[in-house]
Amino acid sequence: MRLVPSSDEDHVEIELEKVAHQIVRDVNESVVNDNYRARIDMNIALDCVSSTLLSLLSKLSTKLNHTLPAALIGNIVTNVISGRFTTLQIALAIVLNRKGLIEQLYDILVLCSYDEVLWFKPSVAAAAVSNALLRGNAHAKDSLVQLVY
């Protein structure tokens, strides 16, 4: 039991607890995207990141105001809280495509595991089989043809 009145440190601690609780709630409420992608844009990279965390990062530095570094930090935090790899982590690992480097970056939670990368090709094939639009159109005249096999 404290006999001293509440200090500013106690108030800050309480506020940090509220912010942390909100970030965890945001992550748990976010929609998890199970689609693997080798190319993503900023919207996809930020899709799973807590808006509270993004606001906090932007208060820390203008360099973290909805930027790629903020997206990476947010994806790492999302992975730690949810226990699931994010689309950004998977995409970066797929692009790197080097087992040793992927494993080193996995150890510091920047990327997904190398095993997750190995699941990429079967996942793309399964997605193509289940979605006719992903398979492409082999009979298209005067247009770009994309096939996934």
N, C-alpha and C. Protein backbone atom coordinates (compact mmCIF):
# COMPACT_ATOMS: atom_id res chain seq x y z
N MET A 1 0.83 -1.17 0.00
CA MET A 1 0.00 0.00 0.00
C MET A 1 0.88 1.24 0.00
N ARG A 2 0.52 2.18 -0.86
CA ARG A 2 1.27 3.41 -0.97
C ARG A 2 0.67 4.49 -0.09
N LEU A 3 1.54 5.16 0.65
CA LEU A 3 1.08 6.27 1.49
C LEU A 3 1.30 7.60 0.78
N VAL A 4 2.09 7.59 -0.30
CA VAL A 4 2.39 8.80 -1.05
C VAL A 4 1.30 9.00 -2.11
N PRO A 5 0.87 10.23 -2.34
CA PRO A 5 -0.14 10.47 -3.38
C PRO A 5 0.35 10.00 -4.75
N SER A 6 -0.57 9.73 -5.62
CA SER A 6 -0.25 9.26 -6.97
C SER A 6 0.67 10.25 -7.68
N SER A 7 1.69 9.73 -8.32
CA SER A 7 2.65 10.59 -9.01
C SER A 7 2.37 10.62 -10.51
N ASP A 8 3.12 11.48 -11.19
CA ASP A 8 3.00 11.55 -12.64
C ASP A 8 3.40 10.22 -13.28
N GLU A 9 4.38 9.54 -12.69
CA GLU A 9 4.81 8.24 -13.22
C GLU A 9 3.67 7.23 -13.18
N ASP A 10 2.90 7.24 -12.08
CA ASP A 10 1.76 6.34 -11.98
C ASP A 10 0.72 6.66 -13.06
N HIS A 11 0.50 7.93 -13.29
CA HIS A 11 -0.47 8.35 -14.30
C HIS A 11 -0.01 7.91 -15.69
N VAL A 12 1.26 8.09 -15.98
CA VAL A 12 1.82 7.67 -17.27
C VAL A 12 1.68 6.16 -17.43
N GLU A 13 1.97 5.42 -16.37
CA GLU A 13 1.85 3.96 -16.41
C GLU A 13 0.42 3.53 -16.73
N ILE A 14 -0.54 4.19 -16.12
CA ILE A 14 -1.95 3.88 -16.36
C ILE A 14 -2.31 4.17 -17.81
N GLU A 15 -1.84 5.30 -18.33
CA GLU A 15 -2.13 5.67 -19.72
C GLU A 15 -1.47 4.68 -20.69
N LEU A 16 -0.25 4.26 -20.39
CA LEU A 16 0.42 3.27 -21.24
C LEU A 16 -0.34 1.94 -21.24
N GLU A 17 -0.86 1.56 -20.09
CA GLU A 17 -1.67 0.34 -20.00
C GLU A 17 -2.90 0.45 -20.90
N LYS A 18 -3.53 1.60 -20.92
CA LYS A 18 -4.71 1.81 -21.77
C LYS A 18 -4.34 1.72 -23.24
N VAL A 19 -3.23 2.35 -23.61
CA VAL A 19 -2.79 2.32 -25.01
C VAL A 19 -2.44 0.88 -25.41
N ALA A 20 -1.71 0.18 -24.56
CA ALA A 20 -1.34 -1.21 -24.85
C ALA A 20 -2.57 -2.08 -25.00
N HIS A 21 -3.53 -1.91 -24.11
CA HIS A 21 -4.78 -2.69 -24.17
C HIS A 21 -5.52 -2.41 -25.48
N GLN A 22 -5.55 -1.15 -25.91
CA GLN A 22 -6.23 -0.79 -27.15
C GLN A 22 -5.52 -1.39 -28.36
N ILE A 23 -4.21 -1.38 -28.36
CA ILE A 23 -3.45 -1.97 -29.48
C ILE A 23 -3.73 -3.47 -29.58
N VAL A 24 -3.72 -4.16 -28.43
CA VAL A 24 -4.03 -5.60 -28.42
C VAL A 24 -5.44 -5.83 -28.94
N ARG A 25 -6.39 -5.02 -28.52
CA ARG A 25 -7.78 -5.15 -28.97
C ARG A 25 -7.86 -4.92 -30.49
N ASP A 26 -7.18 -3.88 -30.99
CA ASP A 26 -7.17 -3.61 -32.43
C ASP A 26 -6.64 -4.81 -33.22
N VAL A 27 -5.53 -5.37 -32.76
CA VAL A 27 -4.92 -6.52 -33.46
C VAL A 27 -5.87 -7.71 -33.43
N ASN A 28 -6.47 -7.97 -32.29
CA ASN A 28 -7.37 -9.12 -32.19
C ASN A 28 -8.63 -8.95 -33.02
N GLU A 29 -9.03 -7.71 -33.28
CA GLU A 29 -10.22 -7.45 -34.09
C GLU A 29 -9.91 -7.34 -35.57
N SER A 30 -8.63 -7.25 -35.92
CA SER A 30 -8.28 -7.09 -37.33
C SER A 30 -8.54 -8.38 -38.10
N VAL A 31 -8.85 -8.22 -39.36
CA VAL A 31 -9.11 -9.37 -40.22
C VAL A 31 -7.77 -9.93 -40.66
N VAL A 32 -7.61 -11.22 -40.47
CA VAL A 32 -6.37 -11.88 -40.87
C VAL A 32 -6.50 -12.30 -42.32
N ASN A 33 -5.55 -11.89 -43.12
CA ASN A 33 -5.54 -12.23 -44.54
C ASN A 33 -4.68 -13.47 -44.73
N ASP A 34 -5.29 -14.55 -45.18
CA ASP A 34 -4.56 -15.80 -45.38
C ASP A 34 -4.00 -15.95 -46.79
N ASN A 35 -4.13 -14.91 -47.61
CA ASN A 35 -3.60 -14.97 -48.97
C ASN A 35 -2.13 -14.59 -48.97
N TYR A 36 -1.33 -15.42 -49.60
CA TYR A 36 0.08 -15.10 -49.74
C TYR A 36 0.24 -14.23 -50.98
N ARG A 37 1.07 -13.21 -50.86
CA ARG A 37 1.33 -12.34 -52.00
C ARG A 37 2.82 -12.04 -52.06
N ALA A 38 3.34 -11.98 -53.25
CA ALA A 38 4.75 -11.61 -53.40
C ALA A 38 4.88 -10.10 -53.56
N ARG A 39 3.82 -9.44 -53.98
CA ARG A 39 3.82 -7.99 -54.14
C ARG A 39 2.66 -7.40 -53.37
N ILE A 40 2.98 -6.41 -52.56
CA ILE A 40 1.93 -5.75 -51.79
C ILE A 40 2.14 -4.25 -51.86
N ASP A 41 1.08 -3.51 -51.57
CA ASP A 41 1.19 -2.06 -51.53
C ASP A 41 1.09 -1.59 -50.08
N MET A 42 1.17 -0.29 -49.89
CA MET A 42 1.16 0.27 -48.55
C MET A 42 -0.15 -0.04 -47.81
N ASN A 43 -1.27 -0.01 -48.51
CA ASN A 43 -2.56 -0.31 -47.87
C ASN A 43 -2.59 -1.73 -47.32
N ILE A 44 -2.08 -2.67 -48.09
CA ILE A 44 -2.05 -4.07 -47.63
C ILE A 44 -1.08 -4.21 -46.46
N ALA A 45 0.07 -3.52 -46.55
CA ALA A 45 1.07 -3.60 -45.47
C ALA A 45 0.53 -3.04 -44.16
N LEU A 46 -0.34 -2.03 -44.25
CA LEU A 46 -0.89 -1.41 -43.04
C LEU A 46 -2.23 -2.01 -42.61
N ASP A 47 -2.77 -2.89 -43.41
CA ASP A 47 -4.10 -3.43 -43.17
C ASP A 47 -4.26 -4.10 -41.80
N CYS A 48 -3.25 -4.80 -41.35
CA CYS A 48 -3.35 -5.54 -40.09
C CYS A 48 -2.80 -4.76 -38.90
N VAL A 49 -2.31 -3.54 -39.13
CA VAL A 49 -1.66 -2.76 -38.08
C VAL A 49 -2.69 -1.95 -37.30
N SER A 50 -2.57 -1.96 -36.00
CA SER A 50 -3.45 -1.21 -35.11
C SER A 50 -3.40 0.28 -35.43
N SER A 51 -4.55 0.91 -35.57
CA SER A 51 -4.59 2.35 -35.81
C SER A 51 -4.04 3.10 -34.59
N THR A 52 -4.23 2.55 -33.42
CA THR A 52 -3.68 3.16 -32.20
C THR A 52 -2.16 3.12 -32.24
N LEU A 53 -1.60 2.00 -32.67
CA LEU A 53 -0.15 1.88 -32.78
C LEU A 53 0.38 2.85 -33.83
N LEU A 54 -0.31 2.96 -34.96
CA LEU A 54 0.12 3.89 -36.00
C LEU A 54 0.11 5.33 -35.50
N SER A 55 -0.90 5.67 -34.72
CA SER A 55 -0.97 7.01 -34.14
C SER A 55 0.19 7.25 -33.18
N LEU A 56 0.48 6.25 -32.36
CA LEU A 56 1.59 6.36 -31.42
C LEU A 56 2.92 6.53 -32.16
N LEU A 57 3.13 5.73 -33.20
CA LEU A 57 4.37 5.83 -33.97
C LEU A 57 4.51 7.20 -34.62
N SER A 58 3.41 7.74 -35.13
CA SER A 58 3.49 9.05 -35.77
C SER A 58 3.78 10.16 -34.77
N LYS A 59 3.40 9.96 -33.51
CA LYS A 59 3.73 10.93 -32.45
C LYS A 59 5.21 10.86 -32.09
N LEU A 60 5.81 9.69 -32.25
CA LEU A 60 7.22 9.52 -31.93
C LEU A 60 8.12 10.23 -32.95
N SER A 61 7.73 10.14 -34.23
CA SER A 61 8.56 10.74 -35.28
C SER A 61 7.75 10.89 -36.56
N THR A 62 8.00 11.96 -37.29
CA THR A 62 7.33 12.13 -38.58
C THR A 62 7.78 11.05 -39.57
N LYS A 63 8.95 10.48 -39.35
CA LYS A 63 9.43 9.40 -40.20
C LYS A 63 8.61 8.13 -40.02
N LEU A 64 7.78 8.10 -38.98
CA LEU A 64 6.94 6.93 -38.71
C LEU A 64 5.46 7.24 -38.92
N ASN A 65 5.18 8.28 -39.68
CA ASN A 65 3.80 8.68 -39.94
C ASN A 65 3.30 7.99 -41.21
N HIS A 66 2.72 6.79 -41.06
CA HIS A 66 2.20 5.99 -42.17
C HIS A 66 3.24 5.78 -43.26
N THR A 67 4.43 5.36 -42.86
CA THR A 67 5.53 5.09 -43.78
C THR A 67 5.83 3.60 -43.77
N LEU A 68 6.71 3.19 -44.67
CA LEU A 68 7.11 1.77 -44.71
C LEU A 68 7.76 1.32 -43.41
N PRO A 69 8.64 2.14 -42.78
CA PRO A 69 9.17 1.71 -41.49
C PRO A 69 8.07 1.51 -40.44
N ALA A 70 7.07 2.37 -40.45
CA ALA A 70 5.95 2.21 -39.51
C ALA A 70 5.18 0.94 -39.82
N ALA A 71 5.02 0.64 -41.10
CA ALA A 71 4.33 -0.59 -41.49
C ALA A 71 5.09 -1.82 -41.00
N LEU A 72 6.41 -1.79 -41.14
CA LEU A 72 7.21 -2.94 -40.69
C LEU A 72 7.13 -3.09 -39.17
N ILE A 73 7.27 -2.00 -38.44
CA ILE A 73 7.15 -2.06 -36.98
C ILE A 73 5.77 -2.57 -36.60
N GLY A 74 4.74 -2.04 -37.23
CA GLY A 74 3.38 -2.47 -36.93
C GLY A 74 3.14 -3.93 -37.23
N ASN A 75 3.73 -4.42 -38.32
CA ASN A 75 3.58 -5.83 -38.67
C ASN A 75 4.29 -6.73 -37.67
N ILE A 76 5.44 -6.29 -37.19
CA ILE A 76 6.15 -7.07 -36.17
C ILE A 76 5.32 -7.14 -34.90
N VAL A 77 4.77 -6.01 -34.48
CA VAL A 77 3.94 -5.98 -33.27
C VAL A 77 2.69 -6.85 -33.47
N THR A 78 2.08 -6.76 -34.63
CA THR A 78 0.90 -7.58 -34.92
C THR A 78 1.24 -9.06 -34.83
N ASN A 79 2.39 -9.45 -35.39
CA ASN A 79 2.82 -10.84 -35.34
C ASN A 79 3.04 -11.30 -33.90
N VAL A 80 3.67 -10.46 -33.10
CA VAL A 80 3.94 -10.83 -31.70
C VAL A 80 2.63 -11.01 -30.94
N ILE A 81 1.69 -10.12 -31.15
CA ILE A 81 0.42 -10.18 -30.41
C ILE A 81 -0.45 -11.32 -30.89
N SER A 82 -0.57 -11.47 -32.22
CA SER A 82 -1.50 -12.45 -32.77
C SER A 82 -0.91 -13.85 -32.90
N GLY A 83 0.43 -13.93 -33.00
CA GLY A 83 1.06 -15.23 -33.22
C GLY A 83 0.97 -15.69 -34.66
N ARG A 84 0.54 -14.82 -35.56
CA ARG A 84 0.40 -15.15 -36.97
C ARG A 84 1.30 -14.25 -37.80
N PHE A 85 1.86 -14.81 -38.87
CA PHE A 85 2.67 -14.01 -39.77
C PHE A 85 1.76 -13.08 -40.55
N THR A 86 2.26 -11.90 -40.84
CA THR A 86 1.48 -10.93 -41.60
C THR A 86 1.81 -11.04 -43.08
N THR A 87 0.96 -10.46 -43.90
CA THR A 87 1.18 -10.48 -45.34
C THR A 87 2.51 -9.84 -45.70
N LEU A 88 2.87 -8.76 -45.03
CA LEU A 88 4.15 -8.09 -45.30
C LEU A 88 5.33 -8.99 -44.97
N GLN A 89 5.29 -9.65 -43.83
CA GLN A 89 6.38 -10.53 -43.44
C GLN A 89 6.56 -11.67 -44.45
N ILE A 90 5.48 -12.22 -44.91
CA ILE A 90 5.54 -13.32 -45.88
C ILE A 90 6.06 -12.80 -47.22
N ALA A 91 5.54 -11.65 -47.67
CA ALA A 91 5.96 -11.09 -48.96
C ALA A 91 7.46 -10.77 -48.97
N LEU A 92 7.96 -10.19 -47.88
CA LEU A 92 9.38 -9.88 -47.81
C LEU A 92 10.23 -11.15 -47.86
N ALA A 93 9.80 -12.18 -47.18
CA ALA A 93 10.55 -13.45 -47.18
C ALA A 93 10.54 -14.09 -48.56
N ILE A 94 9.42 -14.01 -49.24
CA ILE A 94 9.31 -14.59 -50.58
C ILE A 94 10.24 -13.86 -51.54
N VAL A 95 10.27 -12.54 -51.44
CA VAL A 95 11.14 -11.75 -52.31
C VAL A 95 12.61 -12.04 -52.02
N LEU A 96 12.98 -12.18 -50.74
CA LEU A 96 14.37 -12.48 -50.39
C LEU A 96 14.80 -13.85 -50.92
N ASN A 97 13.96 -14.84 -50.66
CA ASN A 97 14.18 -16.20 -51.17
C ASN A 97 15.57 -16.75 -50.86
N ARG A 98 16.13 -16.40 -49.70
CA ARG A 98 17.42 -16.95 -49.26
C ARG A 98 17.24 -17.49 -47.85
N LYS A 99 17.35 -18.78 -47.72
CA LYS A 99 17.05 -19.46 -46.46
C LYS A 99 17.80 -18.86 -45.27
N GLY A 100 19.11 -18.69 -45.37
CA GLY A 100 19.90 -18.18 -44.25
C GLY A 100 19.47 -16.80 -43.81
N LEU A 101 19.24 -15.91 -44.77
CA LEU A 101 18.82 -14.55 -44.45
C LEU A 101 17.40 -14.54 -43.87
N ILE A 102 16.53 -15.32 -44.45
CA ILE A 102 15.16 -15.41 -43.94
C ILE A 102 15.17 -15.90 -42.50
N GLU A 103 15.96 -16.92 -42.21
CA GLU A 103 16.02 -17.46 -40.85
C GLU A 103 16.57 -16.43 -39.86
N GLN A 104 17.58 -15.65 -40.29
CA GLN A 104 18.12 -14.61 -39.39
C GLN A 104 17.08 -13.53 -39.12
N LEU A 105 16.37 -13.10 -40.15
CA LEU A 105 15.34 -12.07 -39.97
C LEU A 105 14.11 -12.62 -39.24
N TYR A 106 13.87 -13.92 -39.36
CA TYR A 106 12.80 -14.57 -38.59
C TYR A 106 13.13 -14.55 -37.09
N ASP A 107 14.40 -14.75 -36.76
CA ASP A 107 14.82 -14.75 -35.36
C ASP A 107 14.54 -13.42 -34.67
N ILE A 108 14.57 -12.32 -35.42
CA ILE A 108 14.27 -11.02 -34.82
C ILE A 108 12.86 -10.53 -35.21
N LEU A 109 12.04 -11.47 -35.65
CA LEU A 109 10.61 -11.26 -35.92
C LEU A 109 10.30 -10.32 -37.08
N VAL A 110 11.27 -10.09 -37.96
CA VAL A 110 11.01 -9.22 -39.11
C VAL A 110 10.26 -9.99 -40.19
N LEU A 111 10.61 -11.26 -40.39
CA LEU A 111 10.01 -12.07 -41.44
C LEU A 111 9.34 -13.30 -40.87
N CYS A 112 8.61 -13.97 -41.76
CA CYS A 112 8.06 -15.27 -41.40
C CYS A 112 9.17 -16.30 -41.46
N SER A 113 8.88 -17.51 -41.07
CA SER A 113 9.89 -18.58 -41.10
C SER A 113 10.12 -19.06 -42.54
N TYR A 114 11.24 -19.73 -42.74
CA TYR A 114 11.53 -20.30 -44.06
C TYR A 114 10.49 -21.36 -44.42
N ASP A 115 10.02 -22.10 -43.43
CA ASP A 115 8.98 -23.11 -43.68
C ASP A 115 7.72 -22.46 -44.26
N GLU A 116 7.39 -21.26 -43.76
CA GLU A 116 6.22 -20.54 -44.27
C GLU A 116 6.43 -20.17 -45.74
N VAL A 117 7.64 -19.80 -46.11
CA VAL A 117 7.95 -19.49 -47.50
C VAL A 117 7.75 -20.73 -48.37
N LEU A 118 8.13 -21.90 -47.85
CA LEU A 118 7.96 -23.14 -48.61
C LEU A 118 6.49 -23.45 -48.87
N TRP A 119 5.61 -22.94 -48.03
CA TRP A 119 4.17 -23.13 -48.22
C TRP A 119 3.61 -22.20 -49.30
N PHE A 120 4.38 -21.23 -49.74
CA PHE A 120 3.89 -20.23 -50.68
C PHE A 120 3.40 -20.83 -52.00
N LYS A 121 4.24 -21.64 -52.65
CA LYS A 121 3.86 -22.17 -53.97
C LYS A 121 2.61 -23.05 -53.92
N PRO A 122 2.51 -23.99 -52.98
CA PRO A 122 1.26 -24.75 -52.90
C PRO A 122 0.05 -23.86 -52.62
N SER A 123 0.24 -22.81 -51.84
CA SER A 123 -0.85 -21.90 -51.53
C SER A 123 -1.32 -21.17 -52.78
N VAL A 124 -0.38 -20.72 -53.61
CA VAL A 124 -0.73 -20.04 -54.85
C VAL A 124 -1.49 -20.99 -55.77
N ALA A 125 -1.02 -22.22 -55.86
CA ALA A 125 -1.68 -23.20 -56.71
C ALA A 125 -3.09 -23.49 -56.21
N ALA A 126 -3.25 -23.64 -54.91
CA ALA A 126 -4.57 -23.91 -54.34
C ALA A 126 -5.51 -22.73 -54.57
N ALA A 127 -4.99 -21.52 -54.43
CA ALA A 127 -5.81 -20.33 -54.66
C ALA A 127 -6.25 -20.26 -56.12
N ALA A 128 -5.35 -20.62 -57.03
CA ALA A 128 -5.68 -20.58 -58.45
C ALA A 128 -6.75 -21.60 -58.81
N VAL A 129 -6.68 -22.76 -58.20
CA VAL A 129 -7.68 -23.79 -58.46
C VAL A 129 -9.05 -23.37 -57.94
N SER A 130 -9.07 -22.71 -56.79
CA SER A 130 -10.35 -22.34 -56.19
C SER A 130 -10.93 -21.05 -56.77
N ASN A 131 -10.12 -20.25 -57.47
CA ASN A 131 -10.60 -18.98 -57.99
C ASN A 131 -10.26 -18.90 -59.48
N ALA A 132 -11.28 -18.99 -60.32
CA ALA A 132 -11.08 -19.00 -61.76
C ALA A 132 -10.40 -17.74 -62.26
N LEU A 133 -10.62 -16.61 -61.59
CA LEU A 133 -10.00 -15.36 -62.01
C LEU A 133 -8.48 -15.40 -61.88
N LEU A 134 -7.97 -16.17 -60.92
CA LEU A 134 -6.52 -16.27 -60.73
C LEU A 134 -5.85 -17.15 -61.76
N ARG A 135 -6.62 -18.04 -62.39
CA ARG A 135 -6.04 -18.96 -63.35
C ARG A 135 -5.67 -18.28 -64.66
N GLY A 136 -6.32 -17.17 -64.94
CA GLY A 136 -6.04 -16.46 -66.19
C GLY A 136 -6.93 -16.95 -67.30
N ASN A 137 -6.73 -16.38 -68.46
CA ASN A 137 -7.54 -16.72 -69.61
C ASN A 137 -6.61 -17.04 -70.77
N ALA A 138 -6.51 -18.29 -71.10
CA ALA A 138 -5.58 -18.72 -72.14
C ALA A 138 -6.09 -18.36 -73.54
N HIS A 139 -7.33 -17.96 -73.67
CA HIS A 139 -7.92 -17.68 -74.97
C HIS A 139 -8.15 -16.19 -75.21
N ALA A 140 -7.56 -15.35 -74.40
CA ALA A 140 -7.77 -13.91 -74.55
C ALA A 140 -7.07 -13.42 -75.81
N LYS A 141 -7.79 -12.63 -76.61
CA LYS A 141 -7.20 -12.06 -77.82
C LYS A 141 -6.68 -10.68 -77.52
N ASP A 142 -5.50 -10.38 -78.00
CA ASP A 142 -4.91 -9.05 -77.85
C ASP A 142 -4.88 -8.56 -76.41
N SER A 143 -4.56 -9.42 -75.49
CA SER A 143 -4.48 -9.00 -74.09
C SER A 143 -3.39 -9.78 -73.38
N LEU A 144 -3.06 -9.32 -72.21
CA LEU A 144 -2.06 -10.00 -71.39
C LEU A 144 -2.64 -11.30 -70.86
N VAL A 145 -1.90 -12.35 -70.99
CA VAL A 145 -2.37 -13.64 -70.50
C VAL A 145 -1.53 -14.03 -69.28
N GLN A 146 -2.22 -14.36 -68.20
CA GLN A 146 -1.53 -14.79 -66.98
C GLN A 146 -2.08 -16.14 -66.58
N LEU A 147 -1.20 -17.09 -66.40
CA LEU A 147 -1.61 -18.42 -65.97
C LEU A 147 -0.86 -18.82 -64.72
N VAL A 148 -1.56 -19.47 -63.82
CA VAL A 148 -0.94 -20.05 -62.64
C VAL A 148 -1.15 -21.54 -62.70
N TYR A 149 -0.08 -22.29 -62.62
CA TYR A 149 -0.23 -23.75 -62.69
C TYR A 149 0.45 -24.40 -61.54
